[in-house]
PDB file of N, CA and C in Angstrom:
ATOM      1  N   MET A   1       0.883  -1.416  -0.104  1.00  0.00           N
ATOM      2  CA  MET A   1       0.150  -0.064  -0.084  1.00  0.00           C
ATOM      3  C   MET A   1       1.186   1.288   0.261  1.00  0.00           C
ATOM      4  N   ALA A   2       0.557   2.199  -0.638  1.00  0.00           N
ATOM      5  CA  ALA A   2       1.141   3.364  -0.514  1.00  0.00           C
ATOM      6  C   ALA A   2       1.072   4.219   0.818  1.00  0.00           C
ATOM      7  N   ASN A   3       2.412   4.901   0.703  1.00  0.00           N
ATOM      8  CA  ASN A   3       2.701   5.507   2.030  1.00  0.00           C
ATOM      9  C   ASN A   3       2.529   6.887   1.877  1.00  0.00           C
ATOM     10  N   HIS A   4       2.734   7.882   1.061  1.00  0.00           N
ATOM     11  CA  HIS A   4       2.657   9.269   0.755  1.00  0.00           C
ATOM     12  C   HIS A   4       1.129   9.370   0.597  1.00  0.00           C
ATOM     13  N   LYS A   5       0.927  10.651   0.893  1.00  0.00           N
ATOM     14  CA  LYS A   5      -0.276  11.360   0.718  1.00  0.00           C
ATOM     15  C   LYS A   5      -0.782  11.647  -0.622  1.00  0.00           C
ATOM     16  N   SER A   6       0.484  11.779  -1.578  1.00  0.00           N
ATOM     17  CA  SER A   6       0.372  12.298  -2.690  1.00  0.00           C
ATOM     18  C   SER A   6      -0.026  10.930  -3.566  1.00  0.00           C
ATOM     19  N   SER A   7       0.383   9.573  -3.064  1.00  0.00           N
ATOM     20  CA  SER A   7       0.325   8.517  -4.164  1.00  0.00           C
ATOM     21  C   SER A   7      -1.130   8.168  -3.679  1.00  0.00           C
ATOM     22  N   LEU A   8      -1.650   8.571  -2.302  1.00  0.00           N
ATOM     23  CA  LEU A   8      -3.070   7.949  -1.984  1.00  0.00           C
ATOM     24  C   LEU A   8      -3.892   8.602  -2.796  1.00  0.00           C
ATOM     25  N   LYS A   9      -3.715   9.996  -3.065  1.00  0.00           N
ATOM     26  CA  LYS A   9      -4.632  10.745  -3.970  1.00  0.00           C
ATOM     27  C   LYS A   9      -4.545  10.444  -5.541  1.00  0.00           C
ATOM     28  N   ARG A  10      -3.366   9.875  -5.964  1.00  0.00           N
ATOM     29  CA  ARG A  10      -3.168   9.296  -7.106  1.00  0.00           C
ATOM     30  C   ARG A  10      -3.854   8.590  -7.318  1.00  0.00           C
ATOM     31  N   ILE A  11      -4.074   7.686  -6.411  1.00  0.00           N
ATOM     32  CA  ILE A  11      -4.820   6.219  -6.517  1.00  0.00           C
ATOM     33  C   ILE A  11      -6.329   6.423  -6.711  1.00  0.00           C
ATOM     34  N   ARG A  12      -6.814   7.537  -5.814  1.00  0.00           N
ATOM     35  CA  ARG A  12      -8.453   8.024  -5.567  1.00  0.00           C
ATOM     36  C   ARG A  12      -8.631   8.363  -7.212  1.00  0.00           C
ATOM     37  N   GLN A  13      -7.836   9.234  -7.695  1.00  0.00           N
ATOM     38  CA  GLN A  13      -7.841   9.912  -9.252  1.00  0.00           C
ATOM     39  C   GLN A  13      -7.884   9.114 -10.039  1.00  0.00           C
ATOM     40  N   GLY A  14      -7.203   8.140 -10.241  1.00  0.00           N
ATOM     41  CA  GLY A  14      -6.911   7.088 -11.011  1.00  0.00           C
ATOM     42  C   GLY A  14      -8.225   6.132 -11.270  1.00  0.00           C
ATOM     43  N   VAL A  15      -8.686   5.931 -10.199  1.00  0.00           N
ATOM     44  CA  VAL A  15     -10.214   5.324 -10.160  1.00  0.00           C
ATOM     45  C   VAL A  15     -11.317   5.967 -10.863  1.00  0.00           C
ATOM     46  N   VAL A  16     -11.214   7.482 -10.731  1.00  0.00           N
ATOM     47  CA  VAL A  16     -12.365   8.194 -11.198  1.00  0.00           C
ATOM     48  C   VAL A  16     -12.238   8.477 -12.347  1.00  0.00           C
ATOM     49  N   ILE A  17     -10.962   8.598 -13.159  1.00  0.00           N
ATOM     50  CA  ILE A  17     -10.219   8.828 -14.546  1.00  0.00           C
ATOM     51  C   ILE A  17     -10.641   7.507 -15.163  1.00  0.00           C
ATOM     52  N   ARG A  18     -10.494   6.372 -14.660  1.00  0.00           N
ATOM     53  CA  ARG A  18     -10.664   5.208 -15.343  1.00  0.00           C
ATOM     54  C   ARG A  18     -12.218   4.996 -15.870  1.00  0.00           C
ATOM     55  N   LEU A  19     -12.993   5.114 -14.678  1.00  0.00           N
ATOM     56  CA  LEU A  19     -14.226   4.970 -14.903  1.00  0.00           C
ATOM     57  C   LEU A  19     -14.803   5.852 -16.007  1.00  0.00           C
ATOM     58  N   ALA A  20     -14.135   6.900 -16.059  1.00  0.00           N
ATOM     59  CA  ALA A  20     -14.776   8.476 -16.927  1.00  0.00           C
ATOM     60  C   ALA A  20     -14.256   7.620 -18.430  1.00  0.00           C
ATOM     61  N   ASN A  21     -13.450   7.333 -18.355  1.00  0.00           N
ATOM     62  CA  ASN A  21     -12.684   6.733 -19.657  1.00  0.00           C
ATOM     63  C   ASN A  21     -13.288   5.698 -20.101  1.00  0.00           C
ATOM     64  N   ARG A  22     -13.570   4.716 -19.288  1.00  0.00           N
ATOM     65  CA  ARG A  22     -14.535   3.300 -19.800  1.00  0.00           C
ATOM     66  C   ARG A  22     -15.746   4.037 -20.419  1.00  0.00           C
ATOM     67  N   TYR A  23     -16.373   4.919 -19.802  1.00  0.00           N
ATOM     68  CA  TYR A  23     -17.728   5.406 -20.109  1.00  0.00           C
ATOM     69  C   TYR A  23     -17.657   6.282 -21.436  1.00  0.00           C
ATOM     70  N   TYR A  24     -16.775   6.755 -21.569  1.00  0.00           N
ATOM     71  CA  TYR A  24     -16.651   7.428 -23.103  1.00  0.00           C
ATOM     72  C   TYR A  24     -16.173   6.621 -24.232  1.00  0.00           C
ATOM     73  N   LYS A  25     -15.182   5.738 -23.814  1.00  0.00           N
ATOM     74  CA  LYS A  25     -15.068   4.553 -24.824  1.00  0.00           C
ATOM     75  C   LYS A  25     -16.051   3.641 -24.911  1.00  0.00           C
ATOM     76  N   LYS A  26     -17.086   3.240 -24.330  1.00  0.00           N
ATOM     77  CA  LYS A  26     -17.843   2.455 -24.408  1.00  0.00           C
ATOM     78  C   LYS A  26     -19.039   3.118 -25.186  1.00  0.00           C
ATOM     79  N   SER A  27     -19.255   4.338 -24.676  1.00  0.00           N
ATOM     80  CA  SER A  27     -20.447   5.153 -25.626  1.00  0.00           C
ATOM     81  C   SER A  27     -19.939   5.567 -26.957  1.00  0.00           C
ATOM     82  N   THR A  28     -18.620   5.504 -27.274  1.00  0.00           N
ATOM     83  CA  THR A  28     -18.319   5.729 -28.740  1.00  0.00           C
ATOM     84  C   THR A  28     -18.255   4.823 -29.234  1.00  0.00           C
ATOM     85  N   ARG A  29     -17.797   3.229 -28.891  1.00  0.00           N
ATOM     86  CA  ARG A  29     -17.974   2.107 -29.829  1.00  0.00           C
ATOM     87  C   ARG A  29     -19.159   2.119 -30.079  1.00  0.00           C
ATOM     88  N   THR A  30     -20.248   2.229 -29.045  1.00  0.00           N
ATOM     89  CA  THR A  30     -21.776   1.879 -29.598  1.00  0.00           C
ATOM     90  C   THR A  30     -22.328   2.839 -30.545  1.00  0.00           C
ATOM     91  N   ALA A  31     -21.649   4.107 -30.552  1.00  0.00           N
ATOM     92  CA  ALA A  31     -22.200   4.976 -31.603  1.00  0.00           C
ATOM     93  C   ALA A  31     -21.785   4.775 -32.815  1.00  0.00           C
ATOM     94  N   ILE A  32     -20.377   4.249 -32.929  1.00  0.00           N
ATOM     95  CA  ILE A  32     -19.626   3.986 -34.356  1.00  0.00           C
ATOM     96  C   ILE A  32     -20.258   2.435 -34.790  1.00  0.00           C
ATOM     97  N   ALA A  33     -20.930   1.663 -33.790  1.00  0.00           N
ATOM     98  CA  ALA A  33     -21.290   0.355 -34.271  1.00  0.00           C
ATOM     99  C   ALA A  33     -22.955   0.698 -34.910  1.00  0.00           C
ATOM    100  N   LYS A  34     -23.343   1.471 -34.087  1.00  0.00           N
ATOM    101  CA  LYS A  34     -25.093   2.166 -34.571  1.00  0.00           C
ATOM    102  C   LYS A  34     -24.398   2.925 -36.092  1.00  0.00           C
ATOM    103  N   LEU A  35     -23.775   3.592 -36.448  1.00  0.00           N
ATOM    104  CA  LEU A  35     -23.529   4.069 -37.789  1.00  0.00           C
ATOM    105  C   LEU A  35     -23.144   3.428 -38.653  1.00  0.00           C
ATOM    106  N   ARG A  36     -22.258   2.140 -38.419  1.00  0.00           N
ATOM    107  CA  ARG A  36     -22.048   1.044 -39.397  1.00  0.00           C
ATOM    108  C   ARG A  36     -23.221   0.450 -39.585  1.00  0.00           C
ATOM    109  N   LEU A  37     -24.295   0.360 -38.961  1.00  0.00           N
ATOM    110  CA  LEU A  37     -25.363  -0.539 -39.253  1.00  0.00           C
ATOM    111  C   LEU A  37     -26.663   0.303 -40.076  1.00  0.00           C
ATOM    112  N   LEU A  38     -26.204   1.733 -39.854  1.00  0.00           N
ATOM    113  CA  LEU A  38     -27.246   2.423 -40.654  1.00  0.00           C
ATOM    114  C   LEU A  38     -27.124   2.254 -42.228  1.00  0.00           C
ATOM    115  N   GLU A  39     -28.374   2.382 -42.960  1.00  0.00           N
ATOM    116  CA  GLU A  39     -28.416   2.020 -44.353  1.00  0.00           C
ATOM    117  C   GLU A  39     -28.934   3.477 -45.143  1.00  0.00           C
ATOM    118  N   ASP A  40     -29.437   4.085 -44.576  1.00  0.00           N
ATOM    119  CA  ASP A  40     -30.039   5.308 -44.851  1.00  0.00           C
ATOM    120  C   ASP A  40     -28.692   6.612 -45.100  1.00  0.00           C
ATOM    121  N   LYS A  41     -28.381   6.960 -46.163  1.00  0.00           N
ATOM    122  CA  LYS A  41     -27.262   8.144 -46.359  1.00  0.00           C
ATOM    123  C   LYS A  41     -27.286   9.353 -45.709  1.00  0.00           C
ATOM    124  N   ALA A  42     -28.724  10.040 -45.824  1.00  0.00           N
ATOM    125  CA  ALA A  42     -28.905  11.321 -45.195  1.00  0.00           C
ATOM    126  C   ALA A  42     -28.845  10.890 -43.949  1.00  0.00           C
ATOM    127  N   GLU A  43     -29.298   9.647 -43.073  1.00  0.00           N
ATOM    128  CA  GLU A  43     -29.265   9.908 -41.548  1.00  0.00           C
ATOM    129  C   GLU A  43     -27.884   9.317 -41.341  1.00  0.00           C
ATOM    130  N   ALA A  44     -27.064   8.623 -42.017  1.00  0.00           N
ATOM    131  CA  ALA A  44     -25.454   8.598 -41.591  1.00  0.00           C
ATOM    132  C   ALA A  44     -24.958   9.916 -41.548  1.00  0.00           C
ATOM    133  N   ASN A  45     -25.089  10.608 -42.955  1.00  0.00           N
ATOM    134  CA  ASN A  45     -24.870  12.107 -42.945  1.00  0.00           C
ATOM    135  C   ASN A  45     -24.747  12.783 -41.564  1.00  0.00           C
ATOM    136  N   LYS A  46     -26.187  12.784 -41.296  1.00  0.00           N
ATOM    137  CA  LYS A  46     -26.288  13.392 -39.693  1.00  0.00           C
ATOM    138  C   LYS A  46     -25.893  13.399 -38.639  1.00  0.00           C
ATOM    139  N   PHE A  47     -25.447  11.849 -38.709  1.00  0.00           N
ATOM    140  CA  PHE A  47     -25.022  11.107 -37.411  1.00  0.00           C
ATOM    141  C   PHE A  47     -23.398  10.987 -37.412  1.00  0.00           C
ATOM    142  N   LEU A  48     -22.803  11.329 -38.771  1.00  0.00           N
ATOM    143  CA  LEU A  48     -21.443  11.252 -38.817  1.00  0.00           C
ATOM    144  C   LEU A  48     -20.719  12.275 -37.736  1.00  0.00           C
ATOM    145  N   PRO A  49     -20.929  13.592 -38.026  1.00  0.00           N
ATOM    146  CA  PRO A  49     -20.298  14.501 -37.238  1.00  0.00           C
ATOM    147  C   PRO A  49     -20.629  14.289 -35.791  1.00  0.00           C
ATOM    148  N   LYS A  50     -21.528  13.969 -34.937  1.00  0.00           N
ATOM    149  CA  LYS A  50     -21.379  13.102 -34.102  1.00  0.00           C
ATOM    150  C   LYS A  50     -20.252  12.366 -33.498  1.00  0.00           C
ATOM    151  N   VAL A  51     -20.229  11.187 -34.300  1.00  0.00           N
ATOM    152  CA  VAL A  51     -19.311  10.269 -34.071  1.00  0.00           C
ATOM    153  C   VAL A  51     -17.940  10.589 -34.171  1.00  0.00           C
ATOM    154  N   ILE A  52     -17.600  11.549 -35.147  1.00  0.00           N
ATOM    155  CA  ILE A  52     -16.398  12.007 -35.401  1.00  0.00           C
ATOM    156  C   ILE A  52     -15.664  12.964 -34.301  1.00  0.00           C
ATOM    157  N   SER A  53     -16.938  13.725 -33.644  1.00  0.00           N
ATOM    158  CA  SER A  53     -16.471  14.434 -32.524  1.00  0.00           C
ATOM    159  C   SER A  53     -16.271  14.024 -31.387  1.00  0.00           C
ATOM    160  N   MET A  54     -16.932  12.714 -30.994  1.00  0.00           N
ATOM    161  CA  MET A  54     -16.631  11.767 -30.100  1.00  0.00           C
ATOM    162  C   MET A  54     -15.460  11.238 -30.247  1.00  0.00           C
ATOM    163  N   ILE A  55     -14.966  10.846 -31.324  1.00  0.00           N
ATOM    164  CA  ILE A  55     -13.486  10.032 -31.683  1.00  0.00           C
ATOM    165  C   ILE A  55     -12.699  10.938 -31.162  1.00  0.00           C
ATOM    166  N   ASP A  56     -12.682  12.167 -32.050  1.00  0.00           N
ATOM    167  CA  ASP A  56     -11.556  13.448 -31.767  1.00  0.00           C
ATOM    168  C   ASP A  56     -11.450  13.703 -30.129  1.00  0.00           C
ATOM    169  N   ARG A  57     -12.505  13.859 -29.510  1.00  0.00           N
ATOM    170  CA  ARG A  57     -12.469  13.935 -28.050  1.00  0.00           C
ATOM    171  C   ARG A  57     -11.530  12.865 -27.102  1.00  0.00           C
ATOM    172  N   LEU A  58     -11.865  11.796 -27.470  1.00  0.00           N
ATOM    173  CA  LEU A  58     -11.030  10.782 -27.041  1.00  0.00           C
ATOM    174  C   LEU A  58      -9.708  10.696 -27.327  1.00  0.00           C
ATOM    175  N   ALA A  59      -9.205  11.075 -28.626  1.00  0.00           N
ATOM    176  CA  ALA A  59      -7.672  11.562 -29.044  1.00  0.00           C
ATOM    177  C   ALA A  59      -7.155  12.603 -28.340  1.00  0.00           C
ATOM    178  N   LYS A  60      -7.554  13.479 -28.502  1.00  0.00           N
ATOM    179  CA  LYS A  60      -7.493  14.633 -27.649  1.00  0.00           C
ATOM    180  C   LYS A  60      -6.990  14.414 -26.263  1.00  0.00           C
ATOM    181  N   LYS A  61      -7.645  13.823 -25.756  1.00  0.00           N
ATOM    182  CA  LYS A  61      -7.540  13.168 -24.169  1.00  0.00           C
ATOM    183  C   LYS A  61      -6.299  12.184 -23.838  1.00  0.00           C
ATOM    184  N   ASN A  62      -5.816  11.495 -25.099  1.00  0.00           N
ATOM    185  CA  ASN A  62      -4.955  10.719 -25.509  1.00  0.00           C
ATOM    186  C   ASN A  62      -5.459   9.235 -24.739  1.00  0.00           C
ATOM    187  N   THR A  63      -7.063   9.149 -24.653  1.00  0.00           N
ATOM    188  CA  THR A  63      -7.636   8.088 -24.304  1.00  0.00           C
ATOM    189  C   THR A  63      -7.430   7.098 -25.395  1.00  0.00           C
ATOM    190  N   TRP A  64      -7.256   7.391 -26.755  1.00  0.00           N
ATOM    191  CA  TRP A  64      -7.013   6.199 -27.657  1.00  0.00           C
ATOM    192  C   TRP A  64      -6.301   7.201 -28.717  1.00  0.00           C
ATOM    193  N   HIS A  65      -5.217   6.419 -29.346  1.00  0.00           N
ATOM    194  CA  HIS A  65      -3.984   7.220 -30.067  1.00  0.00           C
ATOM    195  C   HIS A  65      -4.539   7.641 -31.207  1.00  0.00           C
ATOM    196  N   LYS A  66      -3.856   9.061 -31.414  1.00  0.00           N
ATOM    197  CA  LYS A  66      -4.292   9.775 -32.762  1.00  0.00           C
ATOM    198  C   LYS A  66      -4.516   9.042 -33.749  1.00  0.00           C
ATOM    199  N   ASN A  67      -3.298   8.143 -34.544  1.00  0.00           N
ATOM    200  CA  ASN A  67      -3.485   7.181 -35.498  1.00  0.00           C
ATOM    201  C   ASN A  67      -4.870   6.336 -35.423  1.00  0.00           C
ATOM    202  N   LYS A  68      -5.251   5.941 -34.468  1.00  0.00           N
ATOM    203  CA  LYS A  68      -6.221   4.834 -34.128  1.00  0.00           C
ATOM    204  C   LYS A  68      -7.569   5.711 -34.514  1.00  0.00           C
ATOM    205  N   ALA A  69      -7.666   7.248 -33.812  1.00  0.00           N
ATOM    206  CA  ALA A  69      -8.784   7.819 -34.240  1.00  0.00           C
ATOM    207  C   ALA A  69      -8.777   8.427 -35.637  1.00  0.00           C
ATOM    208  N   GLY A  70      -7.679   8.677 -36.394  1.00  0.00           N
ATOM    209  CA  GLY A  70      -7.738   8.894 -37.757  1.00  0.00           C
ATOM    210  C   GLY A  70      -7.855   7.703 -38.545  1.00  0.00           C
ATOM    211  N   ASN A  71      -7.701   6.550 -38.353  1.00  0.00           N
ATOM    212  CA  ASN A  71      -8.254   5.352 -38.781  1.00  0.00           C
ATOM    213  C   ASN A  71      -9.500   5.059 -38.941  1.00  0.00           C
ATOM    214  N   LEU A  72      -9.966   5.225 -37.765  1.00  0.00           N
ATOM    215  CA  LEU A  72     -11.404   5.235 -37.797  1.00  0.00           C
ATOM    216  C   LEU A  72     -12.617   6.198 -38.404  1.00  0.00           C
ATOM    217  N   LYS A  73     -11.953   7.539 -37.985  1.00  0.00           N
ATOM    218  CA  LYS A  73     -12.772   8.336 -39.108  1.00  0.00           C
ATOM    219  C   LYS A  73     -12.240   8.264 -40.336  1.00  0.00           C
ATOM    220  N   SER A  74     -11.610   7.968 -40.891  1.00  0.00           N
ATOM    221  CA  SER A  74     -11.357   7.805 -42.365  1.00  0.00           C
ATOM    222  C   SER A  74     -12.017   6.603 -42.841  1.00  0.00           C
ATOM    223  N   SER A  75     -12.521   5.224 -42.067  1.00  0.00           N
ATOM    224  CA  SER A  75     -13.000   4.134 -42.652  1.00  0.00           C
ATOM    225  C   SER A  75     -14.544   4.400 -42.686  1.00  0.00           C
ATOM    226  N   LEU A  76     -14.760   5.152 -41.372  1.00  0.00           N
ATOM    227  CA  LEU A  76     -16.524   5.624 -41.290  1.00  0.00           C
ATOM    228  C   LEU A  76     -16.455   6.967 -42.248  1.00  0.00           C
ATOM    229  N   MET A  77     -16.119   7.743 -42.770  1.00  0.00           N
ATOM    230  CA  MET A  77     -16.316   8.587 -43.725  1.00  0.00           C
ATOM    231  C   MET A  77     -16.270   7.936 -44.993  1.00  0.00           C
ATOM    232  N   ILE A  78     -15.203   6.793 -45.553  1.00  0.00           N
ATOM    233  CA  ILE A  78     -15.315   6.379 -46.567  1.00  0.00           C
ATOM    234  C   ILE A  78     -16.822   5.170 -46.499  1.00  0.00           C
ATOM    235  N   LYS A  79     -17.142   4.984 -45.749  1.00  0.00           N
ATOM    236  CA  LYS A  79     -18.428   3.993 -45.535  1.00  0.00           C
ATOM    237  C   LYS A  79     -19.549   4.691 -45.895  1.00  0.00           C
ATOM    238  N   VAL A  80     -19.697   6.027 -45.357  1.00  0.00           N
ATOM    239  CA  VAL A  80     -20.962   6.824 -45.407  1.00  0.00           C
ATOM    240  C   VAL A  80     -20.704   7.100 -46.990  1.00  0.00           C
ATOM    241  N   ALA A  81     -19.626   7.617 -47.526  1.00  0.00           N
ATOM    242  CA  ALA A  81     -19.723   8.335 -48.828  1.00  0.00           C
ATOM    243  C   ALA A  81     -19.539   7.117 -49.793  1.00  0.00           C
ATOM    244  N   LYS A  82     -19.688   5.638 -49.407  1.00  0.00           N
ATOM    245  CA  LYS A  82     -19.798   4.778 -50.395  1.00  0.00           C
ATOM    246  C   LYS A  82     -21.547   4.088 -50.525  1.00  0.00           C
ATOM    247  N   MET A  83     -22.333   5.012 -49.608  1.00  0.00           N
ATOM    248  CA  MET A  83     -23.943   4.349 -49.094  1.00  0.00           C
ATOM    249  C   MET A  83     -24.358   5.082 -50.847  1.00  0.00           C
ATOM    250  N   ALA A  84     -25.501   4.201 -51.079  1.00  0.00           N
ATOM    251  CA  ALA A  84     -26.233   4.333 -51.997  1.00  0.00           C
ATOM    252  C   ALA A  84     -27.401   5.123 -51.720  1.00  0.00           C
TER     253      ALA A  84
END
């Protein structure tokens, strides 16, 4: 167990941050899955900016690597562009 006051505080902060990261990652993954299931192009075009914003937020906070975020955004935009 930690002996210093600061290390105890870091442990407490880590728990809170971990739970927040889990929530945002899971909600973003759900939104991505929902976007991939859409078949209407107009609806997908409307939903795409929200998903991209969520991905960018995770990349900005270093929860996801910036390259992972870029690859996800690229593949989603290609999928929406190819919709009939």
